[in-house]
Amino acid sequence: MSGTGAARWSIVNVSLYQAAAALNANARWQEVISENLASSSIPGYKKQDLSFSAVQGGVMSQAVNDPRLRFSLSRADTATNFAPGEMKMTGVNTDVAIEGAGFFGVQLASGATGYTRDGEFQVNAQGQLATKQGYLVLGESGPIQLDKGNSSPMAISPTGEISQGEDIKGKLKIVTFDQPQLLTSINGGCFIANHPNLVPNEVQQPSLRQGYLEGSNTSSVSEMVNLITAMRTFEANQRIIQMQDQRMGQAISELGNPS
């Protein structure tokens, strides 16, 4: 194999790898956009942002010290955007929104503690305050238990105390994290803190609004623009793969014909 032929073969291969890696990254981008669009109506939902980076994929020859012979591949990484959403008045007394940083503590079906910004709560059949998914809303002393025999409406103070008439039923557990980006997202805009460096810090004086919900921080218009961009980029890399495939066929034909 001549030096020119080998060089052409290496370049074609590298271009195929790079285009394929870009396809994978763009496919992940489209998945993130779809998730953001599907969850845009969930109160308190925090969108996923995607960033692209380049990682060294290898070298085109044994001369590893020559930077010109190294090549990189595209990689997509996601991170949760914790920017606040717009406050929307609902007038429902079981709805509550957090102003500023913080998460509601909820008890998941597994018994573990989850964290959410979605304050669209309801009272379940047992008289406990719960999320739409059925997770129990946690107070400082455990789940919030209301008195089903008390006809007084539930009230939530700006600092999280829950009362029925003159009876205090508990105080909502509001926590913050020093590194919220380490939280793991699960379904319904809920997070779990399974990273060893995550320690919840209870907020003693939270700022809450009863009868309000925090909207998602996802913009449907922006996500649709991103989707069009992602599809165009995906199509461009498809064309690169087709072009390089044709070049590889040509290289094989020329290398197989010594004349």
C-alpha atoms as a PDB file:
ATOM      1  CA  MET A   1       0.000   0.000   0.000  1.00  0.00           C
ATOM      2  CA  SER A   2       1.467   3.361  -1.034  1.00  0.00           C
ATOM      3  CA  GLY A   3       1.881   6.181   1.472  1.00  0.00           C
ATOM      4  CA  THR A   4      -0.714   8.272  -0.376  1.00  0.00           C
ATOM      5  CA  GLY A   5      -3.210   5.417  -0.410  1.00  0.00           C
ATOM      6  CA  ALA A   6      -2.699   4.672   3.287  1.00  0.00           C
ATOM      7  CA  ALA A   7      -3.143   8.322   4.194  1.00  0.00           C
ATOM      8  CA  ARG A   8      -6.343   8.532   2.167  1.00  0.00           C
ATOM      9  CA  TRP A   9      -7.616   5.328   3.799  1.00  0.00           C
ATOM     10  CA  SER A  10      -6.907   6.721   7.303  1.00  0.00           C
ATOM     11  CA  ILE A  11      -8.593  10.044   6.585  1.00  0.00           C
ATOM     12  CA  VAL A  12     -11.710   8.337   5.206  1.00  0.00           C
ATOM     13  CA  ASN A  13     -11.940   6.051   8.230  1.00  0.00           C
ATOM     14  CA  VAL A  14     -11.494   8.942  10.663  1.00  0.00           C
ATOM     15  CA  SER A  15     -14.144  10.987   8.865  1.00  0.00           C
ATOM     16  CA  LEU A  16     -16.567   8.086   9.135  1.00  0.00           C
ATOM     17  CA  TYR A  17     -15.910   7.738  12.864  1.00  0.00           C
ATOM     18  CA  GLN A  18     -16.353  11.476  13.421  1.00  0.00           C
ATOM     19  CA  ALA A  19     -19.582  11.635  11.430  1.00  0.00           C
ATOM     20  CA  ALA A  20     -20.949   8.574  13.234  1.00  0.00           C
ATOM     21  CA  ALA A  21     -20.089  10.104  16.628  1.00  0.00           C
ATOM     22  CA  ALA A  22     -21.799  13.340  15.558  1.00  0.00           C
ATOM     23  CA  LEU A  23     -24.898  11.340  14.571  1.00  0.00           C
ATOM     24  CA  ASN A  24     -25.011   9.775  18.028  1.00  0.00           C
ATOM     25  CA  ALA A  25     -24.610  13.182  19.681  1.00  0.00           C
ATOM     26  CA  ASN A  26     -27.377  14.689  17.546  1.00  0.00           C
ATOM     27  CA  ALA A  27     -29.665  11.759  18.260  1.00  0.00           C
ATOM     28  CA  ARG A  28     -29.141  12.392  21.972  1.00  0.00           C
ATOM     29  CA  TRP A  29     -29.908  16.087  21.382  1.00  0.00           C
ATOM     30  CA  GLN A  30     -33.220  15.182  19.765  1.00  0.00           C
ATOM     31  CA  GLU A  31     -34.068  12.907  22.709  1.00  0.00           C
ATOM     32  CA  VAL A  32     -33.411  15.761  25.159  1.00  0.00           C
ATOM     33  CA  ILE A  33     -35.549  18.146  23.104  1.00  0.00           C
ATOM     34  CA  SER A  34     -38.390  15.605  22.994  1.00  0.00           C
ATOM     35  CA  GLU A  35     -38.202  15.145  26.766  1.00  0.00           C
ATOM     36  CA  ASN A  36     -38.266  18.905  27.349  1.00  0.00           C
ATOM     37  CA  LEU A  37     -41.256  19.374  25.043  1.00  0.00           C
ATOM     38  CA  ALA A  38     -43.178  16.470  26.585  1.00  0.00           C
ATOM     39  CA  SER A  39     -42.576  17.823  30.107  1.00  0.00           C
ATOM     40  CA  SER A  40     -43.157  21.511  29.386  1.00  0.00           C
ATOM     41  CA  SER A  41     -46.612  21.398  31.014  1.00  0.00           C
ATOM     42  CA  ILE A  42     -45.379  19.853  34.293  1.00  0.00           C
ATOM     43  CA  PRO A  43     -45.273  22.483  37.076  1.00  0.00           C
ATOM     44  CA  GLY A  44     -41.753  23.086  38.341  1.00  0.00           C
ATOM     45  CA  TYR A  45     -40.137  20.945  35.624  1.00  0.00           C
ATOM     46  CA  LYS A  46     -36.478  21.780  35.050  1.00  0.00           C
ATOM     47  CA  LYS A  47     -35.325  21.371  31.484  1.00  0.00           C
ATOM     48  CA  GLN A  48     -32.289  19.424  30.372  1.00  0.00           C
ATOM     49  CA  ASP A  49     -29.551  21.397  28.614  1.00  0.00           C
ATOM     50  CA  LEU A  50     -27.187  19.642  26.238  1.00  0.00           C
ATOM     51  CA  SER A  51     -23.585  20.607  25.531  1.00  0.00           C
ATOM     52  CA  PHE A  52     -21.175  19.228  22.952  1.00  0.00           C
ATOM     53  CA  SER A  53     -17.524  18.542  23.556  1.00  0.00           C
ATOM     54  CA  ALA A  54     -14.681  16.832  21.731  1.00  0.00           C
ATOM     55  CA  VAL A  55     -12.820  13.842  23.131  1.00  0.00           C
ATOM     56  CA  GLN A  56      -9.667  12.346  21.679  1.00  0.00           C
ATOM     57  CA  GLY A  57     -10.644   9.295  19.697  1.00  0.00           C
ATOM     58  CA  GLY A  58      -7.224   8.025  18.651  1.00  0.00           C
ATOM     59  CA  VAL A  59      -4.312   8.602  16.287  1.00  0.00           C
ATOM     60  CA  MET A  60      -3.954   7.979  12.584  1.00  0.00           C
ATOM     61  CA  SER A  61      -0.500   6.412  12.865  1.00  0.00           C
ATOM     62  CA  GLN A  62       2.083   5.305  15.405  1.00  0.00           C
ATOM     63  CA  ALA A  63       3.492   8.834  15.523  1.00  0.00           C
ATOM     64  CA  VAL A  64       1.398   9.667  18.565  1.00  0.00           C
ATOM     65  CA  ASN A  65       3.470  12.746  19.420  1.00  0.00           C
ATOM     66  CA  ASP A  66       2.391  14.536  16.270  1.00  0.00           C
ATOM     67  CA  PRO A  67      -0.806  16.465  17.147  1.00  0.00           C
ATOM     68  CA  ARG A  68      -1.728  16.661  13.478  1.00  0.00           C
ATOM     69  CA  LEU A  69      -2.268  12.897  13.438  1.00  0.00           C
ATOM     70  CA  ARG A  70      -4.651  12.837  16.386  1.00  0.00           C
ATOM     71  CA  PHE A  71      -8.405  13.028  15.880  1.00  0.00           C
ATOM     72  CA  SER A  72     -11.338  13.890  18.110  1.00  0.00           C
ATOM     73  CA  LEU A  73     -14.917  12.656  18.325  1.00  0.00           C
ATOM     74  CA  SER A  74     -18.069  14.511  19.320  1.00  0.00           C
ATOM     75  CA  ARG A  75     -19.706  13.814  22.678  1.00  0.00           C
ATOM     76  CA  ALA A  76     -23.007  15.103  24.077  1.00  0.00           C
ATOM     77  CA  ASP A  77     -23.462  15.760  27.796  1.00  0.00           C
ATOM     78  CA  THR A  78     -26.665  16.764  29.569  1.00  0.00           C
ATOM     79  CA  ALA A  79     -27.191  18.910  32.644  1.00  0.00           C
ATOM     80  CA  THR A  80     -30.296  20.091  34.443  1.00  0.00           C
ATOM     81  CA  ASN A  81     -31.106  23.788  34.175  1.00  0.00           C
ATOM     82  CA  PHE A  82     -32.413  24.912  37.584  1.00  0.00           C
ATOM     83  CA  ALA A  83     -33.465  28.409  36.488  1.00  0.00           C
ATOM     84  CA  PRO A  84     -36.831  29.331  38.058  1.00  0.00           C
ATOM     85  CA  GLY A  85     -40.036  29.108  36.053  1.00  0.00           C
ATOM     86  CA  GLU A  86     -42.833  31.656  35.871  1.00  0.00           C
ATOM     87  CA  MET A  87     -45.238  31.877  38.831  1.00  0.00           C
ATOM     88  CA  LYS A  88     -48.828  31.155  37.834  1.00  0.00           C
ATOM     89  CA  MET A  89     -51.825  31.803  40.063  1.00  0.00           C
ATOM     90  CA  THR A  90     -54.291  28.903  40.274  1.00  0.00           C
ATOM     91  CA  GLY A  91     -56.343  29.802  43.333  1.00  0.00           C
ATOM     92  CA  VAL A  92     -56.291  26.142  44.460  1.00  0.00           C
ATOM     93  CA  ASN A  93     -55.504  25.920  48.170  1.00  0.00           C
ATOM     94  CA  THR A  94     -53.464  22.715  47.804  1.00  0.00           C
ATOM     95  CA  ASP A  95     -51.191  24.323  45.176  1.00  0.00           C
ATOM     96  CA  VAL A  96     -47.992  25.892  46.450  1.00  0.00           C
ATOM     97  CA  ALA A  97     -44.886  27.322  44.806  1.00  0.00           C
ATOM     98  CA  ILE A  98     -41.396  27.968  46.141  1.00  0.00           C
ATOM     99  CA  GLU A  99     -39.927  31.417  45.601  1.00  0.00           C
ATOM    100  CA  GLY A 100     -36.165  31.140  45.265  1.00  0.00           C
ATOM    101  CA  ALA A 101     -34.074  28.024  45.745  1.00  0.00           C
ATOM    102  CA  GLY A 102     -35.377  24.858  47.336  1.00  0.00           C
ATOM    103  CA  PHE A 103     -37.228  21.589  46.799  1.00  0.00           C
ATOM    104  CA  PHE A 104     -40.238  19.941  48.405  1.00  0.00           C
ATOM    105  CA  GLY A 105     -39.397  16.660  50.096  1.00  0.00           C
ATOM    106  CA  VAL A 106     -41.649  13.743  49.098  1.00  0.00           C
ATOM    107  CA  GLN A 107     -41.740  10.088  50.071  1.00  0.00           C
ATOM    108  CA  LEU A 108     -41.366   7.857  47.013  1.00  0.00           C
ATOM    109  CA  ALA A 109     -43.119   4.513  46.601  1.00  0.00           C
ATOM    110  CA  SER A 110     -39.859   2.785  47.582  1.00  0.00           C
ATOM    111  CA  GLY A 111     -39.759   4.705  50.850  1.00  0.00           C
ATOM    112  CA  ALA A 112     -36.815   6.815  49.716  1.00  0.00           C
ATOM    113  CA  THR A 113     -36.960  10.600  49.745  1.00  0.00           C
ATOM    114  CA  GLY A 114     -37.445  12.442  46.491  1.00  0.00           C
ATOM    115  CA  TYR A 115     -37.230  16.159  45.748  1.00  0.00           C
ATOM    116  CA  THR A 116     -39.435  18.206  43.457  1.00  0.00           C
ATOM    117  CA  ARG A 117     -40.421  21.762  42.566  1.00  0.00           C
ATOM    118  CA  ASP A 118     -43.897  20.605  41.506  1.00  0.00           C
ATOM    119  CA  GLY A 119     -46.259  21.898  44.201  1.00  0.00           C
ATOM    120  CA  GLU A 120     -49.485  20.675  42.566  1.00  0.00           C
ATOM    121  CA  PHE A 121     -50.564  18.694  45.625  1.00  0.00           C
ATOM    122  CA  GLN A 122     -53.827  16.996  46.562  1.00  0.00           C
ATOM    123  CA  VAL A 123     -55.333  15.255  49.575  1.00  0.00           C
ATOM    124  CA  ASN A 124     -55.469  11.461  49.202  1.00  0.00           C
ATOM    125  CA  ALA A 125     -58.106   9.075  50.537  1.00  0.00           C
ATOM    126  CA  GLN A 126     -56.232   8.761  53.838  1.00  0.00           C
ATOM    127  CA  GLY A 127     -56.272  12.518  54.366  1.00  0.00           C
ATOM    128  CA  GLN A 128     -52.565  12.905  53.604  1.00  0.00           C
ATOM    129  CA  LEU A 129     -51.080  15.601  51.400  1.00  0.00           C
ATOM    130  CA  ALA A 130     -49.697  13.922  48.276  1.00  0.00           C
ATOM    131  CA  THR A 131     -48.357  14.638  44.788  1.00  0.00           C
ATOM    132  CA  LYS A 132     -50.156  13.737  41.548  1.00  0.00           C
ATOM    133  CA  GLN A 133     -48.074  10.566  41.438  1.00  0.00           C
ATOM    134  CA  GLY A 134     -49.263   9.567  44.899  1.00  0.00           C
ATOM    135  CA  TYR A 135     -45.997  10.406  46.687  1.00  0.00           C
ATOM    136  CA  LEU A 136     -46.572  11.654  50.229  1.00  0.00           C
ATOM    137  CA  VAL A 137     -45.506  15.242  50.851  1.00  0.00           C
ATOM    138  CA  LEU A 138     -43.086  15.411  53.753  1.00  0.00           C
ATOM    139  CA  GLY A 139     -43.181  17.793  56.659  1.00  0.00           C
ATOM    140  CA  GLU A 140     -40.431  18.292  59.196  1.00  0.00           C
ATOM    141  CA  SER A 141     -41.841  15.335  61.203  1.00  0.00           C
ATOM    142  CA  GLY A 142     -42.905  13.078  58.338  1.00  0.00           C
ATOM    143  CA  PRO A 143     -45.919  12.991  55.980  1.00  0.00           C
ATOM    144  CA  ILE A 144     -48.528  15.735  56.400  1.00  0.00           C
ATOM    145  CA  GLN A 145     -51.686  14.221  57.905  1.00  0.00           C
ATOM    146  CA  LEU A 146     -54.865  16.306  57.675  1.00  0.00           C
ATOM    147  CA  ASP A 147     -58.084  15.860  59.642  1.00  0.00           C
ATOM    148  CA  LYS A 148     -60.774  14.537  57.294  1.00  0.00           C
ATOM    149  CA  GLY A 149     -63.414  15.440  59.876  1.00  0.00           C
ATOM    150  CA  ASN A 150     -62.355  19.080  59.969  1.00  0.00           C
ATOM    151  CA  SER A 151     -64.294  21.129  57.441  1.00  0.00           C
ATOM    152  CA  SER A 152     -61.912  24.083  57.692  1.00  0.00           C
ATOM    153  CA  PRO A 153     -59.920  24.681  54.490  1.00  0.00           C
ATOM    154  CA  MET A 154     -56.224  23.934  54.516  1.00  0.00           C
ATOM    155  CA  ALA A 155     -53.952  26.946  54.696  1.00  0.00           C
ATOM    156  CA  ILE A 156     -50.244  27.142  53.898  1.00  0.00           C
ATOM    157  CA  SER A 157     -48.329  30.077  55.340  1.00  0.00           C
ATOM    158  CA  PRO A 158     -45.490  31.810  53.426  1.00  0.00           C
ATOM    159  CA  THR A 159     -43.007  29.945  55.653  1.00  0.00           C
ATOM    160  CA  GLY A 160     -44.608  26.519  55.074  1.00  0.00           C
ATOM    161  CA  GLU A 161     -46.826  25.936  58.139  1.00  0.00           C
ATOM    162  CA  ILE A 162     -49.940  23.938  57.265  1.00  0.00           C
ATOM    163  CA  SER A 163     -53.092  24.477  59.261  1.00  0.00           C
ATOM    164  CA  GLN A 164     -56.793  23.608  59.297  1.00  0.00           C
ATOM    165  CA  GLY A 165     -58.584  26.357  61.126  1.00  0.00           C
ATOM    166  CA  GLU A 166     -56.752  26.722  64.446  1.00  0.00           C
ATOM    167  CA  ASP A 167     -55.028  23.337  64.173  1.00  0.00           C
ATOM    168  CA  ILE A 168     -51.390  23.274  63.017  1.00  0.00           C
ATOM    169  CA  LYS A 169     -50.782  20.091  61.001  1.00  0.00           C
ATOM    170  CA  GLY A 170     -47.085  20.480  60.319  1.00  0.00           C
ATOM    171  CA  LYS A 171     -44.563  22.431  58.307  1.00  0.00           C
ATOM    172  CA  LEU A 172     -43.489  21.607  54.782  1.00  0.00           C
ATOM    173  CA  LYS A 173     -39.944  20.261  54.476  1.00  0.00           C
ATOM    174  CA  ILE A 174     -38.050  22.536  52.085  1.00  0.00           C
ATOM    175  CA  VAL A 175     -34.422  21.689  51.369  1.00  0.00           C
ATOM    176  CA  THR A 176     -31.592  23.014  49.237  1.00  0.00           C
ATOM    177  CA  PHE A 177     -28.393  21.446  47.924  1.00  0.00           C
ATOM    178  CA  ASP A 178     -24.941  22.963  47.517  1.00  0.00           C
ATOM    179  CA  GLN A 179     -24.532  21.075  44.228  1.00  0.00           C
ATOM    180  CA  PRO A 180     -28.022  20.547  42.751  1.00  0.00           C
ATOM    181  CA  GLN A 181     -26.475  19.570  39.415  1.00  0.00           C
ATOM    182  CA  LEU A 182     -25.553  16.234  41.042  1.00  0.00           C
ATOM    183  CA  LEU A 183     -29.213  15.355  41.604  1.00  0.00           C
ATOM    184  CA  THR A 184     -30.524  12.435  39.521  1.00  0.00           C
ATOM    185  CA  SER A 185     -33.703  13.147  37.575  1.00  0.00           C
ATOM    186  CA  ILE A 186     -36.515  10.581  37.696  1.00  0.00           C
ATOM    187  CA  ASN A 187     -40.065  10.707  36.357  1.00  0.00           C
ATOM    188  CA  GLY A 188     -42.506  13.570  36.816  1.00  0.00           C
ATOM    189  CA  GLY A 189     -39.962  16.322  37.460  1.00  0.00           C
ATOM    190  CA  CYS A 190     -38.719  14.574  40.598  1.00  0.00           C
ATOM    191  CA  PHE A 191     -35.107  14.092  41.703  1.00  0.00           C
ATOM    192  CA  ILE A 192     -33.248  11.780  44.041  1.00  0.00           C
ATOM    193  CA  ALA A 193     -30.005  12.528  45.871  1.00  0.00           C
ATOM    194  CA  ASN A 194     -28.025   9.322  45.392  1.00  0.00           C
ATOM    195  CA  HIS A 195     -24.645  11.029  44.922  1.00  0.00           C
ATOM    196  CA  PRO A 196     -22.423  10.676  48.012  1.00  0.00           C
ATOM    197  CA  ASN A 197     -21.538  14.393  47.979  1.00  0.00           C
ATOM    198  CA  LEU A 198     -25.174  15.504  48.142  1.00  0.00           C
ATOM    199  CA  VAL A 199     -26.453  16.485  51.567  1.00  0.00           C
ATOM    200  CA  PRO A 200     -29.874  18.190  51.893  1.00  0.00           C
ATOM    201  CA  ASN A 201     -29.889  21.438  53.860  1.00  0.00           C
ATOM    202  CA  GLU A 202     -33.254  22.214  55.426  1.00  0.00           C
ATOM    203  CA  VAL A 203     -34.493  25.761  54.806  1.00  0.00           C
ATOM    204  CA  GLN A 204     -35.724  27.218  58.094  1.00  0.00           C
ATOM    205  CA  GLN A 205     -37.493  30.251  56.633  1.00  0.00           C
ATOM    206  CA  PRO A 206     -38.666  29.361  53.106  1.00  0.00           C
ATOM    207  CA  SER A 207     -40.757  31.694  50.961  1.00  0.00           C
ATOM    208  CA  LEU A 208     -43.883  29.977  49.632  1.00  0.00           C
ATOM    209  CA  ARG A 209     -46.989  31.061  47.758  1.00  0.00           C
ATOM    210  CA  GLN A 210     -50.241  29.190  48.340  1.00  0.00           C
ATOM    211  CA  GLY A 211     -52.559  29.087  45.343  1.00  0.00           C
ATOM    212  CA  TYR A 212     -49.657  29.393  42.906  1.00  0.00           C
ATOM    213  CA  LEU A 213     -47.652  26.960  40.795  1.00  0.00           C
ATOM    214  CA  GLU A 214     -44.201  27.417  39.305  1.00  0.00           C
ATOM    215  CA  GLY A 215     -44.303  26.766  35.585  1.00  0.00           C
ATOM    216  CA  SER A 216     -41.742  24.766  33.670  1.00  0.00           C
ATOM    217  CA  ASN A 217     -38.623  26.682  32.618  1.00  0.00           C
ATOM    218  CA  THR A 218     -38.860  25.098  29.171  1.00  0.00           C
ATOM    219  CA  SER A 219     -39.735  27.275  26.170  1.00  0.00           C
ATOM    220  CA  SER A 220     -41.646  25.303  23.523  1.00  0.00           C
ATOM    221  CA  VAL A 221     -40.648  27.820  20.842  1.00  0.00           C
ATOM    222  CA  SER A 222     -36.941  27.543  21.690  1.00  0.00           C
ATOM    223  CA  GLU A 223     -37.130  23.760  21.781  1.00  0.00           C
ATOM    224  CA  MET A 224     -38.786  23.644  18.335  1.00  0.00           C
ATOM    225  CA  VAL A 225     -36.011  25.860  16.939  1.00  0.00           C
ATOM    226  CA  ASN A 226     -33.431  23.530  18.523  1.00  0.00           C
ATOM    227  CA  LEU A 227     -35.222  20.521  17.022  1.00  0.00           C
ATOM    228  CA  ILE A 228     -34.994  21.975  13.504  1.00  0.00           C
ATOM    229  CA  THR A 229     -31.277  22.725  14.029  1.00  0.00           C
ATOM    230  CA  ALA A 230     -30.638  19.206  15.348  1.00  0.00           C
ATOM    231  CA  MET A 231     -32.419  17.611  12.390  1.00  0.00           C
ATOM    232  CA  ARG A 232     -30.468  19.700   9.880  1.00  0.00           C
ATOM    233  CA  THR A 233     -27.177  18.789  11.572  1.00  0.00           C
ATOM    234  CA  PHE A 234     -28.174  15.126  11.637  1.00  0.00           C
ATOM    235  CA  GLU A 235     -28.922  15.209   7.904  1.00  0.00           C
ATOM    236  CA  ALA A 236     -25.589  16.922   7.179  1.00  0.00           C
ATOM    237  CA  ASN A 237     -23.658  14.160   8.967  1.00  0.00           C
ATOM    238  CA  GLN A 238     -25.652  11.534   7.112  1.00  0.00           C
ATOM    239  CA  ARG A 239     -24.510  13.080   3.840  1.00  0.00           C
ATOM    240  CA  ILE A 240     -20.895  13.072   5.079  1.00  0.00           C
ATOM    241  CA  ILE A 241     -21.113   9.347   5.827  1.00  0.00           C
ATOM    242  CA  GLN A 242     -22.544   8.669   2.356  1.00  0.00           C
ATOM    243  CA  MET A 243     -19.784  10.729   0.735  1.00  0.00           C
ATOM    244  CA  GLN A 244     -17.027   9.030   2.740  1.00  0.00           C
ATOM    245  CA  ASP A 245     -18.514   5.628   1.962  1.00  0.00           C
ATOM    246  CA  GLN A 246     -18.192   6.419  -1.731  1.00  0.00           C
ATOM    247  CA  ARG A 247     -14.587   7.551  -1.202  1.00  0.00           C
ATOM    248  CA  MET A 248     -13.807   4.369   0.685  1.00  0.00           C
ATOM    249  CA  GLY A 249     -15.160   2.336  -2.218  1.00  0.00           C
ATOM    250  CA  GLN A 250     -12.955   4.324  -4.570  1.00  0.00           C
ATOM    251  CA  ALA A 251      -9.896   3.826  -2.314  1.00  0.00           C
ATOM    252  CA  ILE A 252     -10.501   0.066  -2.164  1.00  0.00           C
ATOM    253  CA  SER A 253     -10.811  -0.044  -5.930  1.00  0.00           C
ATOM    254  CA  GLU A 254      -7.552   1.882  -6.448  1.00  0.00           C
ATOM    255  CA  LEU A 255      -5.588  -0.048  -3.811  1.00  0.00           C
ATOM    256  CA  GLY A 256      -6.780  -3.323  -5.300  1.00  0.00           C
ATOM    257  CA  ASN A 257      -5.508  -2.346  -8.716  1.00  0.00           C
ATOM    258  CA  PRO A 258      -1.672  -2.021  -8.605  1.00  0.00           C
ATOM    259  CA  SER A 259      -1.572  -0.694 -12.167  1.00  0.00           C
END
